[in-house]
Amino acid sequence: SRDLKDGVRNSQTGGYATLATAGVEAYFGRFVAGANVQQPLVQELSGGDSRAKQRLQLHVTVLL
């Protein structure tokens, strides 16, 4: 079953989160650079013992 380790229930797993995401991308020939930020709106993670924070993601992509 889910959330079991060695037959014992682990309350430090599972949960859900809903995040709002906004971002931008810029194209430079064969290269793409972008960034986005994610803000948790609603969350219940690991029985309330864990909290998601705001996230910033950056990326660079080479188009083949």
Protein backbone atom coordinates (compact mmCIF):
# COMPACT_ATOMS: atom_id res chain seq x y z
CA SER A 1 0.00 0.00 0.00
CA ARG A 2 1.02 3.63 -0.37
CA ASP A 3 2.86 5.44 2.41
CA LEU A 4 4.13 2.23 4.02
CA LYS A 5 7.75 1.49 4.86
CA ASP A 6 8.53 -1.98 6.19
CA GLY A 7 4.80 -2.42 6.87
CA VAL A 8 4.58 0.72 9.04
CA ARG A 9 2.52 3.74 7.96
CA ASN A 10 4.71 6.78 7.22
CA SER A 11 2.81 10.01 7.95
CA GLN A 12 5.67 12.13 6.49
CA THR A 13 4.65 11.45 2.86
CA GLY A 14 1.93 12.47 0.45
CA GLY A 15 -0.16 15.58 0.22
CA TYR A 16 -0.96 18.16 -2.42
CA ALA A 17 -0.03 21.66 -3.53
CA THR A 18 -1.50 24.21 -5.95
CA LEU A 19 0.93 26.81 -7.30
CA ALA A 20 0.46 29.95 -9.42
CA THR A 21 3.10 30.27 -12.17
CA ALA A 22 4.17 33.27 -14.27
CA GLY A 23 7.12 33.44 -16.63
CA VAL A 24 8.81 34.84 -19.71
CA GLU A 25 10.90 33.48 -22.58
CA ALA A 26 13.12 35.28 -25.07
CA TYR A 27 14.40 33.83 -28.36
CA PHE A 28 17.86 34.70 -29.72
CA GLY A 29 18.33 32.76 -32.95
CA ARG A 30 18.88 29.13 -31.89
CA PHE A 31 18.89 30.00 -28.18
CA VAL A 32 15.98 30.42 -25.79
CA ALA A 33 16.34 31.93 -22.32
CA GLY A 34 13.54 32.02 -19.82
CA ALA A 35 12.50 32.43 -16.23
CA ASN A 36 9.41 31.71 -14.19
CA VAL A 37 8.31 32.11 -10.62
CA GLN A 38 5.94 29.82 -8.73
CA GLN A 39 3.98 30.86 -5.65
CA PRO A 40 2.22 28.23 -3.49
CA LEU A 41 -1.49 29.06 -3.15
CA VAL A 42 -2.76 26.00 -1.26
CA GLN A 43 -0.74 23.16 0.22
CA GLU A 44 -0.93 20.21 2.58
CA LEU A 45 2.37 18.33 2.45
CA SER A 46 3.71 15.59 4.76
CA GLY A 47 0.88 15.96 7.25
CA GLY A 48 1.61 19.69 7.64
CA ASP A 49 5.28 19.19 8.58
CA SER A 50 6.61 20.43 5.23
CA ARG A 51 6.00 23.77 3.48
CA ALA A 52 6.71 24.69 -0.14
CA LYS A 53 8.24 28.14 -0.63
CA GLN A 54 8.28 30.48 -3.61
CA ARG A 55 10.37 29.09 -6.49
CA LEU A 56 12.41 30.76 -9.21
CA GLN A 57 13.41 28.72 -12.26
CA LEU A 58 15.82 29.83 -14.98
CA HIS A 59 16.56 27.99 -18.22
CA VAL A 60 18.62 28.20 -21.39
CA THR A 61 17.77 25.98 -24.38
CA VAL A 62 19.62 25.38 -27.64
CA LEU A 63 17.32 24.60 -30.57
CA LEU A 64 18.67 21.91 -32.89
